Amino acid sequence: MITLSPSPTLAILFAKYKERDADKVALVDVTQDISITFGQLHDWSNRIANWLVAKGIQKGDRVALLTEERIEKLILWMGIWRAGAVCCPTNVEMNIAYVAEILGNLECKLALYDADLDVNQMTDGVDIESIKFTGWSNDHRR
């Protein structure tokens, strides 16, 4: 007989790591030469989740994530999960015409996109609110 035990939620895991290892590095982006600690990741994912909920994102809503591979993608992904939404990361390096087609089929409520990308071209013909983000910094003034 196999007994399954429930896995802890992301919120429980983040709280545990923040309490136990707040100053330990959680993620490193070697191409950008930046990192984020478990405490920072916990705080920032909560901020993002609260912001998404304030924007009307509800449990199960789809949120498109339009960015290349970088630390911000993972931070936003964690925040989307914390809000109870579904993260839909999209490969922005493919033919730009396919990105709009994919977004149209996903029926996302919101798209978060990297400021370096041409969101108008990626969302051409898709009715979606798009909000740009810039590089992550632990400087709270950004």
N, C-alpha and C. Protein backbone atom coordinates (compact mmCIF):
# COMPACT_ATOMS: atom_id res chain seq x y z
N MET A 1 0.84 -1.18 0.00
CA MET A 1 0.00 0.00 0.00
C MET A 1 0.89 1.24 0.00
N ILE A 2 0.56 2.17 -0.85
CA ILE A 2 1.31 3.42 -0.95
C ILE A 2 0.54 4.51 -0.21
N THR A 3 1.25 5.20 0.67
CA THR A 3 0.63 6.30 1.38
C THR A 3 1.24 7.60 0.88
N LEU A 4 0.40 8.50 0.46
CA LEU A 4 0.87 9.79 -0.02
C LEU A 4 0.62 10.84 1.04
N SER A 5 1.61 11.66 1.26
CA SER A 5 1.40 12.77 2.18
C SER A 5 1.39 14.06 1.37
N PRO A 6 0.55 15.00 1.78
CA PRO A 6 0.46 16.24 1.01
C PRO A 6 1.76 17.03 1.06
N SER A 7 2.11 17.62 -0.07
CA SER A 7 3.30 18.46 -0.12
C SER A 7 2.96 19.82 0.46
N PRO A 8 3.94 20.46 1.08
CA PRO A 8 3.67 21.81 1.59
C PRO A 8 3.44 22.79 0.45
N THR A 9 2.64 23.80 0.69
CA THR A 9 2.38 24.80 -0.33
C THR A 9 3.62 25.67 -0.52
N LEU A 10 3.62 26.41 -1.62
CA LEU A 10 4.72 27.33 -1.90
C LEU A 10 4.85 28.35 -0.78
N ALA A 11 3.72 28.83 -0.28
CA ALA A 11 3.74 29.82 0.81
C ALA A 11 4.41 29.25 2.05
N ILE A 12 4.11 28.00 2.38
CA ILE A 12 4.72 27.36 3.55
C ILE A 12 6.22 27.18 3.33
N LEU A 13 6.61 26.73 2.15
CA LEU A 13 8.04 26.54 1.85
C LEU A 13 8.80 27.86 1.92
N PHE A 14 8.24 28.92 1.31
CA PHE A 14 8.90 30.23 1.35
C PHE A 14 9.06 30.73 2.78
N ALA A 15 8.01 30.58 3.58
CA ALA A 15 8.07 31.03 4.98
C ALA A 15 9.14 30.24 5.74
N LYS A 16 9.22 28.96 5.48
CA LYS A 16 10.21 28.10 6.14
C LYS A 16 11.63 28.54 5.77
N TYR A 17 11.88 28.72 4.47
CA TYR A 17 13.21 29.12 4.03
C TYR A 17 13.55 30.53 4.50
N LYS A 18 12.57 31.42 4.51
CA LYS A 18 12.83 32.78 4.99
C LYS A 18 13.23 32.75 6.46
N GLU A 19 12.52 31.95 7.24
CA GLU A 19 12.81 31.85 8.68
C GLU A 19 14.19 31.20 8.92
N ARG A 20 14.46 30.12 8.21
CA ARG A 20 15.67 29.34 8.46
C ARG A 20 16.90 29.87 7.74
N ASP A 21 16.72 30.33 6.50
CA ASP A 21 17.86 30.68 5.64
C ASP A 21 17.68 32.02 4.93
N ALA A 22 17.17 33.01 5.62
CA ALA A 22 16.82 34.29 4.97
C ALA A 22 17.97 34.91 4.19
N ASP A 23 19.20 34.77 4.67
CA ASP A 23 20.33 35.43 4.04
C ASP A 23 21.10 34.54 3.06
N LYS A 24 20.65 33.31 2.89
CA LYS A 24 21.31 32.42 1.94
C LYS A 24 20.78 32.69 0.53
N VAL A 25 21.66 32.53 -0.44
CA VAL A 25 21.31 32.77 -1.83
C VAL A 25 20.33 31.71 -2.31
N ALA A 26 19.23 32.17 -2.91
CA ALA A 26 18.20 31.27 -3.45
C ALA A 26 18.36 31.09 -4.95
N LEU A 27 18.62 32.19 -5.66
CA LEU A 27 18.74 32.16 -7.13
C LEU A 27 19.92 33.01 -7.56
N VAL A 28 20.60 32.54 -8.60
CA VAL A 28 21.72 33.29 -9.16
C VAL A 28 21.52 33.37 -10.67
N ASP A 29 21.72 34.56 -11.20
CA ASP A 29 21.71 34.73 -12.66
C ASP A 29 23.14 35.09 -13.04
N VAL A 30 23.86 34.12 -13.58
CA VAL A 30 25.28 34.35 -13.90
C VAL A 30 25.46 35.30 -15.07
N THR A 31 24.48 35.37 -15.97
CA THR A 31 24.63 36.28 -17.11
C THR A 31 24.45 37.73 -16.69
N GLN A 32 23.65 37.96 -15.66
CA GLN A 32 23.44 39.32 -15.16
C GLN A 32 24.32 39.63 -13.94
N ASP A 33 24.98 38.59 -13.42
CA ASP A 33 25.82 38.71 -12.24
C ASP A 33 25.05 39.29 -11.04
N ILE A 34 23.84 38.75 -10.82
CA ILE A 34 23.05 39.14 -9.66
C ILE A 34 22.46 37.90 -9.00
N SER A 35 22.08 38.06 -7.75
CA SER A 35 21.46 36.96 -7.01
C SER A 35 20.40 37.52 -6.08
N ILE A 36 19.59 36.62 -5.54
CA ILE A 36 18.54 36.98 -4.60
C ILE A 36 18.53 35.95 -3.49
N THR A 37 18.37 36.41 -2.26
CA THR A 37 18.35 35.51 -1.11
C THR A 37 16.93 34.95 -0.92
N PHE A 38 16.84 33.93 -0.05
CA PHE A 38 15.53 33.36 0.25
C PHE A 38 14.62 34.41 0.89
N GLY A 39 15.16 35.24 1.76
CA GLY A 39 14.36 36.29 2.39
C GLY A 39 13.85 37.29 1.37
N GLN A 40 14.73 37.71 0.47
CA GLN A 40 14.33 38.65 -0.58
C GLN A 40 13.30 38.02 -1.52
N LEU A 41 13.52 36.76 -1.89
CA LEU A 41 12.59 36.07 -2.78
C LEU A 41 11.21 35.97 -2.13
N HIS A 42 11.18 35.65 -0.85
CA HIS A 42 9.92 35.59 -0.11
C HIS A 42 9.21 36.94 -0.14
N ASP A 43 9.95 37.99 0.19
CA ASP A 43 9.36 39.33 0.24
C ASP A 43 8.88 39.80 -1.14
N TRP A 44 9.73 39.61 -2.15
CA TRP A 44 9.37 40.09 -3.48
C TRP A 44 8.23 39.28 -4.09
N SER A 45 8.22 37.98 -3.88
CA SER A 45 7.11 37.19 -4.43
C SER A 45 5.80 37.57 -3.76
N ASN A 46 5.84 37.90 -2.47
CA ASN A 46 4.64 38.38 -1.79
C ASN A 46 4.18 39.72 -2.37
N ARG A 47 5.13 40.62 -2.59
CA ARG A 47 4.78 41.93 -3.18
C ARG A 47 4.12 41.76 -4.53
N ILE A 48 4.70 40.92 -5.36
CA ILE A 48 4.15 40.69 -6.69
C ILE A 48 2.76 40.05 -6.59
N ALA A 49 2.61 39.06 -5.73
CA ALA A 49 1.31 38.40 -5.55
C ALA A 49 0.26 39.40 -5.08
N ASN A 50 0.59 40.22 -4.12
CA ASN A 50 -0.36 41.22 -3.62
C ASN A 50 -0.72 42.23 -4.71
N TRP A 51 0.26 42.63 -5.51
CA TRP A 51 0.02 43.55 -6.61
C TRP A 51 -0.91 42.92 -7.64
N LEU A 52 -0.67 41.65 -7.98
CA LEU A 52 -1.51 40.96 -8.95
C LEU A 52 -2.96 40.85 -8.45
N VAL A 53 -3.11 40.49 -7.19
CA VAL A 53 -4.45 40.37 -6.61
C VAL A 53 -5.15 41.73 -6.62
N ALA A 54 -4.41 42.80 -6.29
CA ALA A 54 -4.99 44.15 -6.32
C ALA A 54 -5.41 44.54 -7.74
N LYS A 55 -4.74 43.98 -8.76
CA LYS A 55 -5.10 44.24 -10.16
C LYS A 55 -6.28 43.39 -10.62
N GLY A 56 -6.75 42.49 -9.74
CA GLY A 56 -7.90 41.67 -10.09
C GLY A 56 -7.58 40.26 -10.51
N ILE A 57 -6.32 39.86 -10.44
CA ILE A 57 -5.94 38.49 -10.78
C ILE A 57 -6.46 37.57 -9.68
N GLN A 58 -7.15 36.51 -10.10
CA GLN A 58 -7.74 35.57 -9.15
C GLN A 58 -7.13 34.18 -9.33
N LYS A 59 -7.38 33.33 -8.35
CA LYS A 59 -6.89 31.96 -8.40
C LYS A 59 -7.32 31.31 -9.72
N GLY A 60 -6.35 30.73 -10.41
CA GLY A 60 -6.63 30.05 -11.67
C GLY A 60 -6.51 30.92 -12.91
N ASP A 61 -6.47 32.26 -12.73
CA ASP A 61 -6.28 33.13 -13.89
C ASP A 61 -4.91 32.87 -14.51
N ARG A 62 -4.82 33.03 -15.82
CA ARG A 62 -3.55 32.84 -16.52
C ARG A 62 -2.85 34.18 -16.70
N VAL A 63 -1.55 34.17 -16.41
CA VAL A 63 -0.72 35.36 -16.58
C VAL A 63 0.44 34.99 -17.50
N ALA A 64 0.53 35.69 -18.64
CA ALA A 64 1.62 35.44 -19.58
C ALA A 64 2.88 36.13 -19.08
N LEU A 65 3.99 35.46 -19.25
CA LEU A 65 5.28 36.00 -18.86
C LEU A 65 6.15 36.04 -20.10
N LEU A 66 6.38 37.25 -20.61
CA LEU A 66 7.11 37.45 -21.86
C LEU A 66 8.49 38.01 -21.54
N THR A 67 9.46 37.15 -21.49
CA THR A 67 10.82 37.55 -21.17
C THR A 67 11.80 36.47 -21.59
N GLU A 68 13.03 36.88 -21.73
CA GLU A 68 14.09 35.90 -21.95
C GLU A 68 14.45 35.29 -20.60
N GLU A 69 15.37 34.35 -20.61
CA GLU A 69 15.79 33.71 -19.36
C GLU A 69 16.60 34.69 -18.52
N ARG A 70 16.06 35.08 -17.38
CA ARG A 70 16.73 36.01 -16.47
C ARG A 70 16.10 35.90 -15.10
N ILE A 71 16.74 36.44 -14.10
CA ILE A 71 16.27 36.28 -12.72
C ILE A 71 14.88 36.86 -12.51
N GLU A 72 14.56 37.94 -13.20
CA GLU A 72 13.24 38.55 -13.05
C GLU A 72 12.12 37.57 -13.43
N LYS A 73 12.39 36.72 -14.42
CA LYS A 73 11.40 35.73 -14.83
C LYS A 73 11.05 34.82 -13.67
N LEU A 74 12.04 34.36 -12.94
CA LEU A 74 11.78 33.46 -11.82
C LEU A 74 11.11 34.17 -10.65
N ILE A 75 11.50 35.40 -10.39
CA ILE A 75 10.88 36.17 -9.31
C ILE A 75 9.40 36.41 -9.62
N LEU A 76 9.12 36.82 -10.85
CA LEU A 76 7.72 37.04 -11.26
C LEU A 76 6.94 35.73 -11.23
N TRP A 77 7.54 34.65 -11.68
CA TRP A 77 6.90 33.34 -11.69
C TRP A 77 6.47 32.97 -10.27
N MET A 78 7.36 33.16 -9.30
CA MET A 78 7.03 32.85 -7.90
C MET A 78 5.88 33.73 -7.41
N GLY A 79 5.88 35.00 -7.79
CA GLY A 79 4.80 35.89 -7.39
C GLY A 79 3.46 35.49 -8.00
N ILE A 80 3.49 35.07 -9.25
CA ILE A 80 2.28 34.61 -9.93
C ILE A 80 1.71 33.39 -9.20
N TRP A 81 2.59 32.45 -8.87
CA TRP A 81 2.14 31.27 -8.13
C TRP A 81 1.59 31.65 -6.76
N ARG A 82 2.26 32.58 -6.08
CA ARG A 82 1.79 33.00 -4.76
C ARG A 82 0.40 33.60 -4.83
N ALA A 83 0.06 34.23 -5.94
CA ALA A 83 -1.26 34.81 -6.13
C ALA A 83 -2.30 33.74 -6.46
N GLY A 84 -1.85 32.51 -6.70
CA GLY A 84 -2.76 31.43 -7.06
C GLY A 84 -3.07 31.38 -8.54
N ALA A 85 -2.36 32.18 -9.32
CA ALA A 85 -2.58 32.22 -10.76
C ALA A 85 -1.70 31.20 -11.47
N VAL A 86 -1.95 31.02 -12.73
CA VAL A 86 -1.19 30.09 -13.56
C VAL A 86 -0.19 30.90 -14.39
N CYS A 87 1.08 30.58 -14.25
CA CYS A 87 2.11 31.26 -15.02
C CYS A 87 2.23 30.61 -16.38
N CYS A 88 2.19 31.44 -17.43
CA CYS A 88 2.31 30.96 -18.80
C CYS A 88 3.56 31.57 -19.43
N PRO A 89 4.74 31.00 -19.14
CA PRO A 89 5.96 31.55 -19.74
C PRO A 89 5.97 31.26 -21.24
N THR A 90 6.34 32.25 -22.00
CA THR A 90 6.32 32.12 -23.45
C THR A 90 7.71 32.34 -24.02
N ASN A 91 8.11 31.50 -24.92
CA ASN A 91 9.42 31.60 -25.53
C ASN A 91 9.43 32.78 -26.49
N VAL A 92 9.99 33.89 -26.04
CA VAL A 92 10.00 35.11 -26.86
C VAL A 92 11.09 35.09 -27.92
N GLU A 93 11.90 34.06 -27.92
CA GLU A 93 12.97 33.97 -28.91
C GLU A 93 12.52 33.29 -30.20
N MET A 94 11.30 32.76 -30.22
CA MET A 94 10.79 32.13 -31.44
C MET A 94 10.27 33.21 -32.38
N ASN A 95 9.82 32.81 -33.53
CA ASN A 95 9.24 33.74 -34.49
C ASN A 95 8.15 34.56 -33.80
N ILE A 96 8.27 35.87 -33.86
CA ILE A 96 7.38 36.78 -33.13
C ILE A 96 5.90 36.56 -33.48
N ALA A 97 5.61 36.13 -34.69
CA ALA A 97 4.23 35.89 -35.09
C ALA A 97 3.60 34.76 -34.28
N TYR A 98 4.40 33.79 -33.89
CA TYR A 98 3.87 32.67 -33.10
C TYR A 98 3.55 33.09 -31.67
N VAL A 99 4.25 34.07 -31.14
CA VAL A 99 4.00 34.52 -29.77
C VAL A 99 2.57 35.05 -29.66
N ALA A 100 2.15 35.88 -30.59
CA ALA A 100 0.79 36.42 -30.57
C ALA A 100 -0.24 35.29 -30.70
N GLU A 101 0.03 34.34 -31.57
CA GLU A 101 -0.89 33.21 -31.75
C GLU A 101 -1.01 32.40 -30.46
N ILE A 102 0.12 32.14 -29.83
CA ILE A 102 0.11 31.39 -28.57
C ILE A 102 -0.66 32.16 -27.50
N LEU A 103 -0.39 33.46 -27.39
CA LEU A 103 -1.10 34.27 -26.39
C LEU A 103 -2.61 34.26 -26.63
N GLY A 104 -3.01 34.32 -27.88
CA GLY A 104 -4.43 34.28 -28.21
C GLY A 104 -5.07 32.98 -27.76
N ASN A 105 -4.36 31.88 -27.91
CA ASN A 105 -4.89 30.58 -27.51
C ASN A 105 -4.88 30.35 -26.00
N LEU A 106 -3.95 30.98 -25.30
CA LEU A 106 -3.85 30.79 -23.85
C LEU A 106 -4.95 31.49 -23.07
N GLU A 107 -5.53 32.53 -23.66
CA GLU A 107 -6.57 33.32 -23.00
C GLU A 107 -6.11 33.85 -21.64
N CYS A 108 -4.94 34.46 -21.63
CA CYS A 108 -4.39 35.04 -20.41
C CYS A 108 -5.13 36.33 -20.07
N LYS A 109 -5.22 36.60 -18.78
CA LYS A 109 -5.86 37.83 -18.31
C LYS A 109 -4.88 39.00 -18.33
N LEU A 110 -3.60 38.71 -18.25
CA LEU A 110 -2.57 39.74 -18.14
C LEU A 110 -1.28 39.22 -18.75
N ALA A 111 -0.50 40.14 -19.33
CA ALA A 111 0.84 39.79 -19.83
C ALA A 111 1.85 40.70 -19.14
N LEU A 112 2.87 40.12 -18.56
CA LEU A 112 3.99 40.86 -18.00
C LEU A 112 5.14 40.69 -18.97
N TYR A 113 5.72 41.82 -19.42
CA TYR A 113 6.75 41.71 -20.44
C TYR A 113 7.98 42.53 -20.08
N ASP A 114 9.10 42.04 -20.53
CA ASP A 114 10.39 42.67 -20.36
C ASP A 114 10.42 43.98 -21.15
N ALA A 115 10.85 45.06 -20.52
CA ALA A 115 10.88 46.38 -21.15
C ALA A 115 11.70 46.40 -22.44
N ASP A 116 12.62 45.45 -22.60
CA ASP A 116 13.46 45.41 -23.80
C ASP A 116 12.75 44.80 -25.01
N LEU A 117 11.55 44.28 -24.83
CA LEU A 117 10.86 43.58 -25.91
C LEU A 117 9.79 44.46 -26.55
N ASP A 118 9.44 44.16 -27.79
CA ASP A 118 8.40 44.89 -28.52
C ASP A 118 7.05 44.22 -28.25
N VAL A 119 6.38 44.67 -27.19
CA VAL A 119 5.12 44.04 -26.78
C VAL A 119 4.03 44.23 -27.82
N ASN A 120 4.03 45.33 -28.56
CA ASN A 120 3.00 45.54 -29.57
C ASN A 120 3.05 44.47 -30.65
N GLN A 121 4.24 44.10 -31.04
CA GLN A 121 4.39 43.06 -32.05
C GLN A 121 4.02 41.69 -31.48
N MET A 122 4.39 41.45 -30.21
CA MET A 122 4.10 40.15 -29.60
C MET A 122 2.63 39.94 -29.29
N THR A 123 1.88 41.02 -29.12
CA THR A 123 0.46 40.90 -28.76
C THR A 123 -0.46 41.37 -29.88
N ASP A 124 0.08 41.53 -31.07
CA ASP A 124 -0.71 42.01 -32.22
C ASP A 124 -1.94 41.14 -32.43
N GLY A 125 -3.12 41.76 -32.35
CA GLY A 125 -4.37 41.05 -32.57
C GLY A 125 -4.91 40.33 -31.34
N VAL A 126 -4.23 40.46 -30.20
CA VAL A 126 -4.65 39.79 -28.97
C VAL A 126 -5.16 40.85 -27.99
N ASP A 127 -6.34 40.62 -27.45
CA ASP A 127 -6.92 41.55 -26.47
C ASP A 127 -6.41 41.16 -25.09
N ILE A 128 -5.32 41.82 -24.65
CA ILE A 128 -4.72 41.50 -23.37
C ILE A 128 -4.07 42.75 -22.78
N GLU A 129 -4.26 42.94 -21.49
CA GLU A 129 -3.55 44.03 -20.81
C GLU A 129 -2.10 43.62 -20.66
N SER A 130 -1.19 44.52 -21.03
CA SER A 130 0.24 44.22 -20.97
C SER A 130 0.94 45.24 -20.09
N ILE A 131 1.74 44.75 -19.17
CA ILE A 131 2.47 45.63 -18.24
C ILE A 131 3.95 45.28 -18.31
N LYS A 132 4.77 46.32 -18.51
CA LYS A 132 6.20 46.07 -18.65
C LYS A 132 6.88 46.06 -17.28
N PHE A 133 7.97 45.30 -17.21
CA PHE A 133 8.81 45.32 -16.03
C PHE A 133 10.24 45.59 -16.45
N THR A 134 11.01 46.10 -15.51
CA THR A 134 12.42 46.37 -15.76
C THR A 134 13.25 45.41 -14.93
N GLY A 135 14.54 45.61 -14.90
CA GLY A 135 15.43 44.73 -14.16
C GLY A 135 15.18 44.76 -12.66
N TRP A 136 15.35 43.60 -12.04
CA TRP A 136 15.16 43.48 -10.60
C TRP A 136 16.34 44.08 -9.86
N SER A 137 16.05 44.71 -8.77
CA SER A 137 17.08 45.22 -7.86
C SER A 137 16.49 45.17 -6.46
N ASN A 138 17.31 44.88 -5.49
CA ASN A 138 16.82 44.87 -4.12
C ASN A 138 16.74 46.29 -3.56
N ASP A 139 17.08 47.26 -4.39
CA ASP A 139 16.92 48.66 -4.02
C ASP A 139 15.43 48.97 -4.09
N HIS A 140 14.78 49.18 -2.97
CA HIS A 140 13.33 49.34 -2.90
C HIS A 140 12.83 50.59 -3.62
N ARG A 141 13.72 51.45 -4.04
CA ARG A 141 13.30 52.67 -4.74
C ARG A 141 13.00 52.41 -6.22
N ARG A 142 13.42 51.25 -6.74
CA ARG A 142 13.19 50.93 -8.16
C ARG A 142 11.81 50.41 -8.38
